[in-house]
Amino acid sequence: MTRLSHLDAQGQAHMVDVGGKEETARIAIAEGRVVMQAATLAIVRDGDAKKGDVLGTARLAGIMAAKRTHELIPLCHPLLISKIAVDLTLDEALPGVRIRAEVKMKGQTGVEMEALTAVSVACLTVYDMVKAVDRAMRIEDIRLVHKSGGKSGTFDSTEGAG
């Protein structure tokens, strides 16, 4: 088993020194979803949520969260991100909202945590915006689906979108 890079020889957590790593193009894509009642989805779709634009607010929250990942996850590095895209898609079959985030940069460390944080916070924001009408919503299947760049190369999830 590979030793975790965030642990020193004594097993104590520390921030990894990425100074000697090669600077490469880094991309990460994460996905998740919020499952809700069909009536709740109609409120989101029709723009009738009392708190305002659910999808627009969640998109901005996801973008802001990705930029602040290093403030939320203790051992993440502050990064100079070049792109954050958060897409929210209504899915009548769930029913609910599918959320996908793509984060890009050129640097010495990956952006997986930023993509996962963007999706997580966007999902939480959808929940917050309509929880008054549907407290039974579920946030599900937040996961990394693609990562490229760096020494470890490319990862693509073998699972289809949930």
C-alpha atoms as a PDB file:
ATOM      1  CA  MET A   1       0.000   0.000   0.000  1.00  0.00           C
ATOM      2  CA  THR A   2       1.249   3.497  -0.846  1.00  0.00           C
ATOM      3  CA  ARG A   3       2.158   5.721   2.096  1.00  0.00           C
ATOM      4  CA  LEU A   4      -0.098   8.765   2.441  1.00  0.00           C
ATOM      5  CA  SER A   5       1.854  11.880   1.479  1.00  0.00           C
ATOM      6  CA  HIS A   6       0.126  14.040   4.123  1.00  0.00           C
ATOM      7  CA  LEU A   7       1.556  11.954   6.985  1.00  0.00           C
ATOM      8  CA  ASP A   8       5.129  12.223   8.207  1.00  0.00           C
ATOM      9  CA  ALA A   9       7.204   9.308   9.568  1.00  0.00           C
ATOM     10  CA  GLN A  10       5.511   9.685  12.966  1.00  0.00           C
ATOM     11  CA  GLY A  11       2.035   9.633  11.436  1.00  0.00           C
ATOM     12  CA  GLN A  12       1.383  13.338  11.995  1.00  0.00           C
ATOM     13  CA  ALA A  13      -0.489  15.329   9.376  1.00  0.00           C
ATOM     14  CA  HIS A  14       1.421  18.032   7.484  1.00  0.00           C
ATOM     15  CA  MET A  15       1.103  19.982   4.265  1.00  0.00           C
ATOM     16  CA  VAL A  16       2.928  18.292   1.402  1.00  0.00           C
ATOM     17  CA  ASP A  17       5.858  20.228  -0.094  1.00  0.00           C
ATOM     18  CA  VAL A  18       4.993  20.502  -3.796  1.00  0.00           C
ATOM     19  CA  GLY A  19       7.913  22.825  -4.576  1.00  0.00           C
ATOM     20  CA  GLY A  20       9.856  20.143  -6.435  1.00  0.00           C
ATOM     21  CA  LYS A  21       6.931  18.896  -8.503  1.00  0.00           C
ATOM     22  CA  GLU A  22       6.672  19.604 -12.203  1.00  0.00           C
ATOM     23  CA  GLU A  23       4.192  22.294 -13.182  1.00  0.00           C
ATOM     24  CA  THR A  24       1.570  20.715 -15.470  1.00  0.00           C
ATOM     25  CA  ALA A  25      -1.934  21.439 -16.695  1.00  0.00           C
ATOM     26  CA  ARG A  26      -4.341  20.089 -14.070  1.00  0.00           C
ATOM     27  CA  ILE A  27      -8.021  19.321 -14.597  1.00  0.00           C
ATOM     28  CA  ALA A  28     -10.559  17.781 -12.249  1.00  0.00           C
ATOM     29  CA  ILE A  29     -14.248  17.082 -12.780  1.00  0.00           C
ATOM     30  CA  ALA A  30     -16.617  16.122  -9.982  1.00  0.00           C
ATOM     31  CA  GLU A  31     -20.333  15.367  -9.926  1.00  0.00           C
ATOM     32  CA  GLY A  32     -23.163  15.069  -7.451  1.00  0.00           C
ATOM     33  CA  ARG A  33     -26.916  15.408  -7.258  1.00  0.00           C
ATOM     34  CA  VAL A  34     -29.752  16.628  -5.088  1.00  0.00           C
ATOM     35  CA  VAL A  35     -32.802  14.373  -5.183  1.00  0.00           C
ATOM     36  CA  MET A  36     -36.106  16.030  -4.290  1.00  0.00           C
ATOM     37  CA  GLN A  37     -39.852  15.737  -4.703  1.00  0.00           C
ATOM     38  CA  ALA A  38     -41.219  16.478  -8.166  1.00  0.00           C
ATOM     39  CA  ALA A  39     -43.116  19.469  -6.743  1.00  0.00           C
ATOM     40  CA  THR A  40     -39.866  20.886  -5.356  1.00  0.00           C
ATOM     41  CA  LEU A  41     -38.166  20.491  -8.709  1.00  0.00           C
ATOM     42  CA  ALA A  42     -41.052  22.389 -10.300  1.00  0.00           C
ATOM     43  CA  ILE A  43     -40.420  25.281  -7.891  1.00  0.00           C
ATOM     44  CA  VAL A  44     -36.735  25.310  -8.894  1.00  0.00           C
ATOM     45  CA  ARG A  45     -37.552  25.021 -12.611  1.00  0.00           C
ATOM     46  CA  ASP A  46     -40.210  27.740 -12.517  1.00  0.00           C
ATOM     47  CA  GLY A  47     -38.118  30.175 -10.475  1.00  0.00           C
ATOM     48  CA  ASP A  48     -40.668  30.233  -7.645  1.00  0.00           C
ATOM     49  CA  ALA A  49     -38.340  29.672  -4.676  1.00  0.00           C
ATOM     50  CA  LYS A  50     -38.866  32.319  -1.987  1.00  0.00           C
ATOM     51  CA  LYS A  51     -35.097  32.758  -1.570  1.00  0.00           C
ATOM     52  CA  GLY A  52     -34.622  33.532  -5.280  1.00  0.00           C
ATOM     53  CA  ASP A  53     -32.736  31.976  -8.184  1.00  0.00           C
ATOM     54  CA  VAL A  54     -31.783  28.508  -6.925  1.00  0.00           C
ATOM     55  CA  LEU A  55     -29.572  27.450  -9.815  1.00  0.00           C
ATOM     56  CA  GLY A  56     -27.771  30.775 -10.203  1.00  0.00           C
ATOM     57  CA  THR A  57     -27.121  31.049  -6.483  1.00  0.00           C
ATOM     58  CA  ALA A  58     -25.850  27.456  -6.285  1.00  0.00           C
ATOM     59  CA  ARG A  59     -23.574  28.017  -9.296  1.00  0.00           C
ATOM     60  CA  LEU A  60     -21.983  31.058  -7.676  1.00  0.00           C
ATOM     61  CA  ALA A  61     -21.683  29.289  -4.325  1.00  0.00           C
ATOM     62  CA  GLY A  62     -19.862  26.395  -6.001  1.00  0.00           C
ATOM     63  CA  ILE A  63     -17.451  28.740  -7.763  1.00  0.00           C
ATOM     64  CA  MET A  64     -16.753  30.661  -4.557  1.00  0.00           C
ATOM     65  CA  ALA A  65     -16.248  27.427  -2.605  1.00  0.00           C
ATOM     66  CA  ALA A  66     -13.716  26.073  -5.103  1.00  0.00           C
ATOM     67  CA  LYS A  67     -11.685  29.273  -4.749  1.00  0.00           C
ATOM     68  CA  ARG A  68     -11.691  28.921  -0.948  1.00  0.00           C
ATOM     69  CA  THR A  69     -11.028  25.190  -0.649  1.00  0.00           C
ATOM     70  CA  HIS A  70      -7.685  25.823   1.078  1.00  0.00           C
ATOM     71  CA  GLU A  71      -9.584  27.654   3.835  1.00  0.00           C
ATOM     72  CA  LEU A  72     -11.949  24.713   4.374  1.00  0.00           C
ATOM     73  CA  ILE A  73      -9.744  21.629   3.972  1.00  0.00           C
ATOM     74  CA  PRO A  74      -6.769  21.969   6.343  1.00  0.00           C
ATOM     75  CA  LEU A  75      -3.957  20.534   4.182  1.00  0.00           C
ATOM     76  CA  CYS A  76      -4.943  21.956   0.783  1.00  0.00           C
ATOM     77  CA  HIS A  77      -2.711  24.522  -0.890  1.00  0.00           C
ATOM     78  CA  PRO A  78      -4.015  27.934  -2.000  1.00  0.00           C
ATOM     79  CA  LEU A  79      -4.146  27.745  -5.797  1.00  0.00           C
ATOM     80  CA  LEU A  80      -4.178  30.117  -8.748  1.00  0.00           C
ATOM     81  CA  ILE A  81      -7.140  28.538 -10.537  1.00  0.00           C
ATOM     82  CA  SER A  82      -7.623  29.445 -14.198  1.00  0.00           C
ATOM     83  CA  LYS A  83     -11.153  28.044 -14.672  1.00  0.00           C
ATOM     84  CA  ILE A  84     -14.083  26.957 -12.545  1.00  0.00           C
ATOM     85  CA  ALA A  85     -17.276  25.879 -14.279  1.00  0.00           C
ATOM     86  CA  VAL A  86     -20.260  24.689 -12.262  1.00  0.00           C
ATOM     87  CA  ASP A  87     -23.167  23.322 -14.278  1.00  0.00           C
ATOM     88  CA  LEU A  88     -26.561  22.505 -12.800  1.00  0.00           C
ATOM     89  CA  THR A  89     -29.022  20.427 -14.789  1.00  0.00           C
ATOM     90  CA  LEU A  90     -32.630  19.746 -13.910  1.00  0.00           C
ATOM     91  CA  ASP A  91     -33.458  16.044 -14.148  1.00  0.00           C
ATOM     92  CA  GLU A  92     -37.146  15.161 -14.094  1.00  0.00           C
ATOM     93  CA  ALA A  93     -36.312  11.433 -13.865  1.00  0.00           C
ATOM     94  CA  LEU A  94     -34.567  11.768 -10.465  1.00  0.00           C
ATOM     95  CA  PRO A  95     -36.383  14.108  -9.765  1.00  0.00           C
ATOM     96  CA  GLY A  96     -33.698  16.614  -8.841  1.00  0.00           C
ATOM     97  CA  VAL A  97     -30.670  18.601  -9.867  1.00  0.00           C
ATOM     98  CA  ARG A  98     -27.425  17.152 -11.226  1.00  0.00           C
ATOM     99  CA  ILE A  99     -24.341  19.201 -10.504  1.00  0.00           C
ATOM    100  CA  ARG A 100     -20.991  19.002 -12.284  1.00  0.00           C
ATOM    101  CA  ALA A 101     -17.898  21.087 -11.607  1.00  0.00           C
ATOM    102  CA  GLU A 102     -14.747  21.399 -13.695  1.00  0.00           C
ATOM    103  CA  VAL A 103     -11.655  23.084 -12.291  1.00  0.00           C
ATOM    104  CA  LYS A 104      -8.478  23.856 -14.280  1.00  0.00           C
ATOM    105  CA  MET A 105      -5.081  25.348 -13.552  1.00  0.00           C
ATOM    106  CA  LYS A 106      -1.417  24.990 -14.386  1.00  0.00           C
ATOM    107  CA  GLY A 107       0.580  24.158 -11.304  1.00  0.00           C
ATOM    108  CA  GLN A 108       2.328  21.716  -9.017  1.00  0.00           C
ATOM    109  CA  THR A 109      -0.663  20.161  -7.283  1.00  0.00           C
ATOM    110  CA  GLY A 110      -4.040  18.838  -8.366  1.00  0.00           C
ATOM    111  CA  VAL A 111      -7.473  20.432  -8.241  1.00  0.00           C
ATOM    112  CA  GLU A 112      -9.579  17.416  -7.240  1.00  0.00           C
ATOM    113  CA  MET A 113     -10.492  18.878  -3.855  1.00  0.00           C
ATOM    114  CA  GLU A 114     -11.562  22.148  -5.472  1.00  0.00           C
ATOM    115  CA  ALA A 115     -13.912  20.335  -7.882  1.00  0.00           C
ATOM    116  CA  LEU A 116     -15.349  18.188  -5.075  1.00  0.00           C
ATOM    117  CA  THR A 117     -15.794  21.243  -2.843  1.00  0.00           C
ATOM    118  CA  ALA A 118     -17.568  23.146  -5.634  1.00  0.00           C
ATOM    119  CA  VAL A 119     -20.051  20.293  -6.115  1.00  0.00           C
ATOM    120  CA  SER A 120     -20.586  19.810  -2.376  1.00  0.00           C
ATOM    121  CA  VAL A 121     -21.317  23.468  -1.692  1.00  0.00           C
ATOM    122  CA  ALA A 122     -23.509  23.819  -4.790  1.00  0.00           C
ATOM    123  CA  CYS A 123     -25.544  20.806  -3.582  1.00  0.00           C
ATOM    124  CA  LEU A 124     -25.822  22.291  -0.094  1.00  0.00           C
ATOM    125  CA  THR A 125     -26.945  25.596  -1.585  1.00  0.00           C
ATOM    126  CA  VAL A 126     -29.714  23.931  -3.607  1.00  0.00           C
ATOM    127  CA  TYR A 127     -30.828  22.228  -0.404  1.00  0.00           C
ATOM    128  CA  ASP A 128     -30.765  25.492   1.542  1.00  0.00           C
ATOM    129  CA  MET A 129     -32.700  27.407  -1.108  1.00  0.00           C
ATOM    130  CA  VAL A 130     -35.718  25.054  -1.062  1.00  0.00           C
ATOM    131  CA  LYS A 131     -35.521  23.235   2.278  1.00  0.00           C
ATOM    132  CA  ALA A 132     -38.601  25.103   3.499  1.00  0.00           C
ATOM    133  CA  VAL A 133     -40.729  23.040   1.096  1.00  0.00           C
ATOM    134  CA  ASP A 134     -38.787  19.749   1.082  1.00  0.00           C
ATOM    135  CA  ARG A 135     -36.632  18.782   4.066  1.00  0.00           C
ATOM    136  CA  ALA A 136     -36.447  15.188   2.778  1.00  0.00           C
ATOM    137  CA  MET A 137     -34.120  16.103  -0.106  1.00  0.00           C
ATOM    138  CA  ARG A 138     -31.019  13.921  -0.405  1.00  0.00           C
ATOM    139  CA  ILE A 139     -27.546  14.925  -1.500  1.00  0.00           C
ATOM    140  CA  GLU A 140     -26.038  11.917  -3.262  1.00  0.00           C
ATOM    141  CA  ASP A 141     -23.095  10.518  -5.189  1.00  0.00           C
ATOM    142  CA  ILE A 142     -20.591  13.336  -4.826  1.00  0.00           C
ATOM    143  CA  ARG A 143     -17.492  11.952  -6.475  1.00  0.00           C
ATOM    144  CA  LEU A 144     -14.501  12.611  -8.678  1.00  0.00           C
ATOM    145  CA  VAL A 145     -15.165  11.491 -12.245  1.00  0.00           C
ATOM    146  CA  HIS A 146     -12.006  12.738 -14.000  1.00  0.00           C
ATOM    147  CA  LYS A 147      -8.583  14.042 -13.128  1.00  0.00           C
ATOM    148  CA  SER A 148      -5.593  14.710 -15.331  1.00  0.00           C
ATOM    149  CA  GLY A 149      -2.139  16.186 -14.957  1.00  0.00           C
ATOM    150  CA  GLY A 150       0.715  15.544 -12.610  1.00  0.00           C
ATOM    151  CA  LYS A 151       2.838  12.482 -11.925  1.00  0.00           C
ATOM    152  CA  SER A 152      -0.125  10.160 -11.280  1.00  0.00           C
ATOM    153  CA  GLY A 153      -1.552  10.858 -14.747  1.00  0.00           C
ATOM    154  CA  THR A 154      -5.183  10.509 -15.706  1.00  0.00           C
ATOM    155  CA  PHE A 155      -8.051   9.030 -13.722  1.00  0.00           C
ATOM    156  CA  ASP A 156     -11.476   8.406 -15.205  1.00  0.00           C
ATOM    157  CA  SER A 157     -14.273   6.911 -13.143  1.00  0.00           C
ATOM    158  CA  THR A 158     -15.504   3.624 -14.506  1.00  0.00           C
ATOM    159  CA  GLU A 159     -18.968   4.237 -13.060  1.00  0.00           C
ATOM    160  CA  GLY A 160     -21.590   5.990 -15.130  1.00  0.00           C
ATOM    161  CA  ALA A 161     -23.187   9.177 -13.855  1.00  0.00           C
ATOM    162  CA  GLY A 162     -25.492   8.378 -10.940  1.00  0.00           C
END
